[in-house]
Amino acid sequence: MPKASSATRTATARQRISANLKKLRKARDLSQEELAELAEFHRTYVSQLERCVTNISIDGLERLANALSVDVRDLLKPVD
């Protein structure tokens, strides 16, 4: 059986953002609504990001990172 390429084993940027966003939000005991308010987004947008339904801009990533008190790179880290 052929090995899976590294591309198929590696999460996409959207999947990494989704997983890291949810993990960081929960670690800070924030609801989606609370995080959305801190980042000046609508709650449904945060939900869509966590479910990999929509994309986010670089500016949006920065707003989320600031709201979570992390560096933008923390939202893009490989998923464990």
PDB file of N, CA and C in Angstrom:
ATOM      1  N   MET A   1       0.848  -1.173   0.000  1.00  0.00           N
ATOM      2  CA  MET A   1       0.000   0.000   0.000  1.00  0.00           C
ATOM      3  C   MET A   1       0.898   1.243   0.000  1.00  0.00           C
ATOM      4  N   PRO A   2       0.627   2.235  -0.856  1.00  0.00           N
ATOM      5  CA  PRO A   2       1.466   3.435  -0.923  1.00  0.00           C
ATOM      6  C   PRO A   2       1.294   4.293   0.320  1.00  0.00           C
ATOM      7  N   LYS A   3       2.375   4.971   0.680  1.00  0.00           N
ATOM      8  CA  LYS A   3       2.327   5.887   1.817  1.00  0.00           C
ATOM      9  C   LYS A   3       1.522   7.121   1.451  1.00  0.00           C
ATOM     10  N   ALA A   4       0.839   7.665   2.450  1.00  0.00           N
ATOM     11  CA  ALA A   4       0.125   8.925   2.240  1.00  0.00           C
ATOM     12  C   ALA A   4       1.153  10.034   2.135  1.00  0.00           C
ATOM     13  N   SER A   5       0.929  10.935   1.230  1.00  0.00           N
ATOM     14  CA  SER A   5       1.857  12.057   1.100  1.00  0.00           C
ATOM     15  C   SER A   5       1.744  12.953   2.320  1.00  0.00           C
ATOM     16  N   SER A   6       2.785  13.727   2.560  1.00  0.00           N
ATOM     17  CA  SER A   6       2.754  14.627   3.716  1.00  0.00           C
ATOM     18  C   SER A   6       1.624  15.636   3.592  1.00  0.00           C
ATOM     19  N   ALA A   7       1.239  15.954   2.372  1.00  0.00           N
ATOM     20  CA  ALA A   7       0.142  16.909   2.163  1.00  0.00           C
ATOM     21  C   ALA A   7      -1.176  16.356   2.679  1.00  0.00           C
ATOM     22  N   THR A   8      -1.401  15.048   2.568  1.00  0.00           N
ATOM     23  CA  THR A   8      -2.665  14.477   3.036  1.00  0.00           C
ATOM     24  C   THR A   8      -2.656  14.256   4.535  1.00  0.00           C
ATOM     25  N   ARG A   9      -1.472  14.195   5.159  1.00  0.00           N
ATOM     26  CA  ARG A   9      -1.388  14.000   6.597  1.00  0.00           C
ATOM     27  C   ARG A   9      -1.363  15.324   7.346  1.00  0.00           C
ATOM     28  N   THR A  10      -1.066  16.391   6.672  1.00  0.00           N
ATOM     29  CA  THR A  10      -0.942  17.699   7.295  1.00  0.00           C
ATOM     30  C   THR A  10      -2.266  18.448   7.209  1.00  0.00           C
ATOM     31  N   ALA A  11      -2.638  19.037   8.329  1.00  0.00           N
ATOM     32  CA  ALA A  11      -3.875  19.814   8.347  1.00  0.00           C
ATOM     33  C   ALA A  11      -3.707  21.065   7.497  1.00  0.00           C
ATOM     34  N   THR A  12      -4.780  21.470   6.868  1.00  0.00           N
ATOM     35  CA  THR A  12      -4.758  22.713   6.101  1.00  0.00           C
ATOM     36  C   THR A  12      -4.672  23.888   7.064  1.00  0.00           C
ATOM     37  N   ALA A  13      -4.324  25.045   6.556  1.00  0.00           N
ATOM     38  CA  ALA A  13      -4.257  26.245   7.390  1.00  0.00           C
ATOM     39  C   ALA A  13      -5.610  26.494   8.050  1.00  0.00           C
ATOM     40  N   ARG A  14      -6.677  26.310   7.303  1.00  0.00           N
ATOM     41  CA  ARG A  14      -8.015  26.532   7.864  1.00  0.00           C
ATOM     42  C   ARG A  14      -8.285  25.568   9.016  1.00  0.00           C
ATOM     43  N   GLN A  15      -7.871  24.306   8.865  1.00  0.00           N
ATOM     44  CA  GLN A  15      -8.073  23.319   9.927  1.00  0.00           C
ATOM     45  C   GLN A  15      -7.220  23.637  11.150  1.00  0.00           C
ATOM     46  N   ARG A  16      -5.995  24.113  10.916  1.00  0.00           N
ATOM     47  CA  ARG A  16      -5.129  24.492  12.046  1.00  0.00           C
ATOM     48  C   ARG A  16      -5.730  25.673  12.798  1.00  0.00           C
ATOM     49  N   ILE A  17      -6.183  26.669  12.069  1.00  0.00           N
ATOM     50  CA  ILE A  17      -6.802  27.837  12.711  1.00  0.00           C
ATOM     51  C   ILE A  17      -8.023  27.408  13.515  1.00  0.00           C
ATOM     52  N   SER A  18      -8.851  26.572  12.927  1.00  0.00           N
ATOM     53  CA  SER A  18     -10.055  26.095  13.595  1.00  0.00           C
ATOM     54  C   SER A  18      -9.729  25.400  14.910  1.00  0.00           C
ATOM     55  N   ALA A  19      -8.815  24.440  14.858  1.00  0.00           N
ATOM     56  CA  ALA A  19      -8.464  23.674  16.061  1.00  0.00           C
ATOM     57  C   ALA A  19      -7.794  24.550  17.110  1.00  0.00           C
ATOM     58  N   ASN A  20      -6.863  25.390  16.691  1.00  0.00           N
ATOM     59  CA  ASN A  20      -6.157  26.255  17.643  1.00  0.00           C
ATOM     60  C   ASN A  20      -7.076  27.303  18.239  1.00  0.00           C
ATOM     61  N   LEU A  21      -7.951  27.856  17.438  1.00  0.00           N
ATOM     62  CA  LEU A  21      -8.899  28.856  17.923  1.00  0.00           C
ATOM     63  C   LEU A  21      -9.778  28.269  19.020  1.00  0.00           C
ATOM     64  N   LYS A  22     -10.328  27.109  18.759  1.00  0.00           N
ATOM     65  CA  LYS A  22     -11.205  26.465  19.737  1.00  0.00           C
ATOM     66  C   LYS A  22     -10.432  26.120  21.010  1.00  0.00           C
ATOM     67  N   LYS A  23      -9.224  25.573  20.866  1.00  0.00           N
ATOM     68  CA  LYS A  23      -8.407  25.193  22.018  1.00  0.00           C
ATOM     69  C   LYS A  23      -8.052  26.423  22.861  1.00  0.00           C
ATOM     70  N   LEU A  24      -7.598  27.487  22.212  1.00  0.00           N
ATOM     71  CA  LEU A  24      -7.218  28.695  22.933  1.00  0.00           C
ATOM     72  C   LEU A  24      -8.430  29.368  23.592  1.00  0.00           C
ATOM     73  N   ARG A  25      -9.547  29.379  22.898  1.00  0.00           N
ATOM     74  CA  ARG A  25     -10.772  29.981  23.455  1.00  0.00           C
ATOM     75  C   ARG A  25     -11.202  29.236  24.714  1.00  0.00           C
ATOM     76  N   LYS A  26     -11.215  27.911  24.630  1.00  0.00           N
ATOM     77  CA  LYS A  26     -11.645  27.109  25.785  1.00  0.00           C
ATOM     78  C   LYS A  26     -10.651  27.212  26.938  1.00  0.00           C
ATOM     79  N   ALA A  27      -9.353  27.295  26.622  1.00  0.00           N
ATOM     80  CA  ALA A  27      -8.326  27.424  27.667  1.00  0.00           C
ATOM     81  C   ALA A  27      -8.514  28.713  28.452  1.00  0.00           C
ATOM     82  N   ARG A  28      -9.094  29.709  27.817  1.00  0.00           N
ATOM     83  CA  ARG A  28      -9.342  30.999  28.484  1.00  0.00           C
ATOM     84  C   ARG A  28     -10.764  31.076  29.025  1.00  0.00           C
ATOM     85  N   ASP A  29     -11.484  29.953  28.942  1.00  0.00           N
ATOM     86  CA  ASP A  29     -12.852  29.861  29.458  1.00  0.00           C
ATOM     87  C   ASP A  29     -13.761  30.926  28.859  1.00  0.00           C
ATOM     88  N   LEU A  30     -13.624  31.117  27.544  1.00  0.00           N
ATOM     89  CA  LEU A  30     -14.454  32.081  26.828  1.00  0.00           C
ATOM     90  C   LEU A  30     -15.488  31.352  25.985  1.00  0.00           C
ATOM     91  N   SER A  31     -16.673  31.884  25.934  1.00  0.00           N
ATOM     92  CA  SER A  31     -17.676  31.376  24.997  1.00  0.00           C
ATOM     93  C   SER A  31     -17.367  31.967  23.620  1.00  0.00           C
ATOM     94  N   GLN A  32     -17.982  31.403  22.606  1.00  0.00           N
ATOM     95  CA  GLN A  32     -17.820  31.970  21.260  1.00  0.00           C
ATOM     96  C   GLN A  32     -18.310  33.412  21.250  1.00  0.00           C
ATOM     97  N   GLU A  33     -19.377  33.669  21.942  1.00  0.00           N
ATOM     98  CA  GLU A  33     -19.939  35.017  21.989  1.00  0.00           C
ATOM     99  C   GLU A  33     -18.979  35.992  22.667  1.00  0.00           C
ATOM    100  N   GLU A  34     -18.351  35.570  23.772  1.00  0.00           N
ATOM    101  CA  GLU A  34     -17.407  36.436  24.472  1.00  0.00           C
ATOM    102  C   GLU A  34     -16.180  36.730  23.608  1.00  0.00           C
ATOM    103  N   LEU A  35     -15.660  35.703  22.939  1.00  0.00           N
ATOM    104  CA  LEU A  35     -14.513  35.916  22.062  1.00  0.00           C
ATOM    105  C   LEU A  35     -14.890  36.833  20.904  1.00  0.00           C
ATOM    106  N   ALA A  36     -16.047  36.602  20.331  1.00  0.00           N
ATOM    107  CA  ALA A  36     -16.504  37.438  19.228  1.00  0.00           C
ATOM    108  C   ALA A  36     -16.587  38.901  19.656  1.00  0.00           C
ATOM    109  N   GLU A  37     -17.088  39.139  20.839  1.00  0.00           N
ATOM    110  CA  GLU A  37     -17.200  40.508  21.349  1.00  0.00           C
ATOM    111  C   GLU A  37     -15.816  41.139  21.524  1.00  0.00           C
ATOM    112  N   LEU A  38     -14.868  40.377  22.079  1.00  0.00           N
ATOM    113  CA  LEU A  38     -13.507  40.889  22.277  1.00  0.00           C
ATOM    114  C   LEU A  38     -12.820  41.214  20.948  1.00  0.00           C
ATOM    115  N   ALA A  39     -13.089  40.396  19.923  1.00  0.00           N
ATOM    116  CA  ALA A  39     -12.452  40.580  18.618  1.00  0.00           C
ATOM    117  C   ALA A  39     -13.291  41.441  17.674  1.00  0.00           C
ATOM    118  N   GLU A  40     -14.450  41.871  18.147  1.00  0.00           N
ATOM    119  CA  GLU A  40     -15.379  42.674  17.347  1.00  0.00           C
ATOM    120  C   GLU A  40     -15.858  41.935  16.098  1.00  0.00           C
ATOM    121  N   PHE A  41     -16.254  40.668  16.324  1.00  0.00           N
ATOM    122  CA  PHE A  41     -16.874  39.844  15.289  1.00  0.00           C
ATOM    123  C   PHE A  41     -18.264  39.447  15.772  1.00  0.00           C
ATOM    124  N   HIS A  42     -19.043  38.889  14.875  1.00  0.00           N
ATOM    125  CA  HIS A  42     -20.332  38.307  15.252  1.00  0.00           C
ATOM    126  C   HIS A  42     -20.081  36.892  15.751  1.00  0.00           C
ATOM    127  N   ARG A  43     -20.860  36.449  16.725  1.00  0.00           N
ATOM    128  CA  ARG A  43     -20.687  35.106  17.287  1.00  0.00           C
ATOM    129  C   ARG A  43     -20.767  34.024  16.230  1.00  0.00           C
ATOM    130  N   THR A  44     -21.645  34.186  15.269  1.00  0.00           N
ATOM    131  CA  THR A  44     -21.781  33.142  14.249  1.00  0.00           C
ATOM    132  C   THR A  44     -20.528  33.030  13.391  1.00  0.00           C
ATOM    133  N   TYR A  45     -19.788  34.122  13.252  1.00  0.00           N
ATOM    134  CA  TYR A  45     -18.553  34.088  12.479  1.00  0.00           C
ATOM    135  C   TYR A  45     -17.502  33.252  13.209  1.00  0.00           C
ATOM    136  N   VAL A  46     -17.399  33.419  14.525  1.00  0.00           N
ATOM    137  CA  VAL A  46     -16.467  32.611  15.316  1.00  0.00           C
ATOM    138  C   VAL A  46     -16.860  31.140  15.207  1.00  0.00           C
ATOM    139  N   SER A  47     -18.134  30.860  15.282  1.00  0.00           N
ATOM    140  CA  SER A  47     -18.621  29.489  15.122  1.00  0.00           C
ATOM    141  C   SER A  47     -18.235  28.924  13.755  1.00  0.00           C
ATOM    142  N   GLN A  48     -18.408  29.708  12.711  1.00  0.00           N
ATOM    143  CA  GLN A  48     -18.056  29.260  11.361  1.00  0.00           C
ATOM    144  C   GLN A  48     -16.558  28.995  11.238  1.00  0.00           C
ATOM    145  N   LEU A  49     -15.740  29.822  11.867  1.00  0.00           N
ATOM    146  CA  LEU A  49     -14.291  29.612  11.841  1.00  0.00           C
ATOM    147  C   LEU A  49     -13.926  28.307  12.548  1.00  0.00           C
ATOM    148  N   GLU A  50     -14.534  28.055  13.681  1.00  0.00           N
ATOM    149  CA  GLU A  50     -14.243  26.836  14.433  1.00  0.00           C
ATOM    150  C   GLU A  50     -14.721  25.581  13.707  1.00  0.00           C
ATOM    151  N   ARG A  51     -15.716  25.728  12.853  1.00  0.00           N
ATOM    152  CA  ARG A  51     -16.230  24.585  12.090  1.00  0.00           C
ATOM    153  C   ARG A  51     -15.626  24.489  10.693  1.00  0.00           C
ATOM    154  N   CYS A  52     -14.659  25.325  10.389  1.00  0.00           N
ATOM    155  CA  CYS A  52     -13.992  25.340   9.068  1.00  0.00           C
ATOM    156  C   CYS A  52     -14.950  25.648   7.931  1.00  0.00           C
ATOM    157  N   VAL A  53     -15.933  26.476   8.194  1.00  0.00           N
ATOM    158  CA  VAL A  53     -16.934  26.803   7.189  1.00  0.00           C
ATOM    159  C   VAL A  53     -16.515  28.006   6.355  1.00  0.00           C
ATOM    160  N   THR A  54     -15.713  28.878   6.929  1.00  0.00           N
ATOM    161  CA  THR A  54     -15.354  30.112   6.245  1.00  0.00           C
ATOM    162  C   THR A  54     -13.864  30.405   6.405  1.00  0.00           C
ATOM    163  N   ASN A  55     -13.371  31.274   5.566  1.00  0.00           N
ATOM    164  CA  ASN A  55     -11.981  31.731   5.642  1.00  0.00           C
ATOM    165  C   ASN A  55     -11.897  33.004   6.467  1.00  0.00           C
ATOM    166  N   ILE A  56     -10.678  33.346   6.872  1.00  0.00           N
ATOM    167  CA  ILE A  56     -10.456  34.568   7.634  1.00  0.00           C
ATOM    168  C   ILE A  56      -9.298  35.327   7.005  1.00  0.00           C
ATOM    169  N   SER A  57      -9.384  36.633   7.075  1.00  0.00           N
ATOM    170  CA  SER A  57      -8.312  37.479   6.540  1.00  0.00           C
ATOM    171  C   SER A  57      -7.158  37.560   7.541  1.00  0.00           C
ATOM    172  N   ILE A  58      -6.034  38.057   7.088  1.00  0.00           N
ATOM    173  CA  ILE A  58      -4.894  38.286   7.969  1.00  0.00           C
ATOM    174  C   ILE A  58      -5.282  39.281   9.072  1.00  0.00           C
ATOM    175  N   ASP A  59      -6.010  40.328   8.699  1.00  0.00           N
ATOM    176  CA  ASP A  59      -6.459  41.308   9.698  1.00  0.00           C
ATOM    177  C   ASP A  59      -7.369  40.650  10.733  1.00  0.00           C
ATOM    178  N   GLY A  60      -8.227  39.755  10.279  1.00  0.00           N
ATOM    179  CA  GLY A  60      -9.110  39.036  11.198  1.00  0.00           C
ATOM    180  C   GLY A  60      -8.333  38.134  12.135  1.00  0.00           C
ATOM    181  N   LEU A  61      -7.314  37.460  11.606  1.00  0.00           N
ATOM    182  CA  LEU A  61      -6.455  36.622  12.454  1.00  0.00           C
ATOM    183  C   LEU A  61      -5.803  37.465  13.542  1.00  0.00           C
ATOM    184  N   GLU A  62      -5.355  38.639  13.156  1.00  0.00           N
ATOM    185  CA  GLU A  62      -4.714  39.530  14.119  1.00  0.00           C
ATOM    186  C   GLU A  62      -5.695  39.954  15.211  1.00  0.00           C
ATOM    187  N   ARG A  63      -6.925  40.244  14.838  1.00  0.00           N
ATOM    188  CA  ARG A  63      -7.944  40.617  15.828  1.00  0.00           C
ATOM    189  C   ARG A  63      -8.208  39.480  16.808  1.00  0.00           C
ATOM    190  N   LEU A  64      -8.298  38.251  16.280  1.00  0.00           N
ATOM    191  CA  LEU A  64      -8.513  37.097  17.153  1.00  0.00           C
ATOM    192  C   LEU A  64      -7.314  36.880  18.064  1.00  0.00           C
ATOM    193  N   ALA A  65      -6.112  36.967  17.507  1.00  0.00           N
ATOM    194  CA  ALA A  65      -4.902  36.784  18.310  1.00  0.00           C
ATOM    195  C   ALA A  65      -4.844  37.814  19.433  1.00  0.00           C
ATOM    196  N   ASN A  66      -5.135  39.051  19.120  1.00  0.00           N
ATOM    197  CA  ASN A  66      -5.139  40.108  20.144  1.00  0.00           C
ATOM    198  C   ASN A  66      -6.190  39.822  21.215  1.00  0.00           C
ATOM    199  N   ALA A  67      -7.357  39.382  20.806  1.00  0.00           N
ATOM    200  CA  ALA A  67      -8.426  39.081  21.756  1.00  0.00           C
ATOM    201  C   ALA A  67      -8.042  37.926  22.674  1.00  0.00           C
ATOM    202  N   LEU A  68      -7.239  36.991  22.150  1.00  0.00           N
ATOM    203  CA  LEU A  68      -6.802  35.831  22.926  1.00  0.00           C
ATOM    204  C   LEU A  68      -5.447  36.062  23.611  1.00  0.00           C
ATOM    205  N   SER A  69      -4.859  37.225  23.399  1.00  0.00           N
ATOM    206  CA  SER A  69      -3.537  37.565  23.954  1.00  0.00           C
ATOM    207  C   SER A  69      -2.460  36.569  23.532  1.00  0.00           C
ATOM    208  N   VAL A  70      -2.466  36.241  22.235  1.00  0.00           N
ATOM    209  CA  VAL A  70      -1.449  35.351  21.670  1.00  0.00           C
ATOM    210  C   VAL A  70      -0.892  35.980  20.402  1.00  0.00           C
ATOM    211  N   ASP A  71       0.174  35.404  19.894  1.00  0.00           N
ATOM    212  CA  ASP A  71       0.729  35.823  18.620  1.00  0.00           C
ATOM    213  C   ASP A  71      -0.072  35.151  17.502  1.00  0.00           C
ATOM    214  N   VAL A  72      -0.169  35.798  16.372  1.00  0.00           N
ATOM    215  CA  VAL A  72      -0.887  35.230  15.218  1.00  0.00           C
ATOM    216  C   VAL A  72      -0.361  33.829  14.897  1.00  0.00           C
ATOM    217  N   ARG A  73       0.944  33.622  15.074  1.00  0.00           N
ATOM    218  CA  ARG A  73       1.539  32.317  14.779  1.00  0.00           C
ATOM    219  C   ARG A  73       0.918  31.204  15.607  1.00  0.00           C
ATOM    220  N   ASP A  74       0.428  31.532  16.806  1.00  0.00           N
ATOM    221  CA  ASP A  74      -0.196  30.514  17.652  1.00  0.00           C
ATOM    222  C   ASP A  74      -1.477  29.966  17.038  1.00  0.00           C
ATOM    223  N   LEU A  75      -2.129  30.750  16.222  1.00  0.00           N
ATOM    224  CA  LEU A  75      -3.345  30.289  15.548  1.00  0.00           C
ATOM    225  C   LEU A  75      -3.019  29.407  14.342  1.00  0.00           C
ATOM    226  N   LEU A  76      -1.783  29.447  13.882  1.00  0.00           N
ATOM    227  CA  LEU A  76      -1.380  28.684  12.703  1.00  0.00           C
ATOM    228  C   LEU A  76      -0.492  27.494  13.021  1.00  0.00           C
ATOM    229  N   LYS A  77      -0.229  27.238  14.302  1.00  0.00           N
ATOM    230  CA  LYS A  77       0.634  26.133  14.691  1.00  0.00           C
ATOM    231  C   LYS A  77       0.065  24.801  14.205  1.00  0.00           C
ATOM    232  N   PRO A  78       0.956  23.848  13.898  1.00  0.00           N
ATOM    233  CA  PRO A  78       0.460  22.500  13.548  1.00  0.00           C
ATOM    234  C   PRO A  78      -0.379  21.931  14.669  1.00  0.00           C
ATOM    235  N   VAL A  79      -1.397  21.203  14.300  1.00  0.00           N
ATOM    236  CA  VAL A  79      -2.319  20.608  15.264  1.00  0.00           C
ATOM    237  C   VAL A  79      -1.687  19.356  15.854  1.00  0.00           C
ATOM    238  N   ASP A  80      -1.809  19.219  17.178  1.00  0.00           N
ATOM    239  CA  ASP A  80      -1.250  18.043  17.856  1.00  0.00           C
ATOM    240  C   ASP A  80      -2.009  16.791  17.510  1.00  0.00           C
TER     241      ASP A  80
END
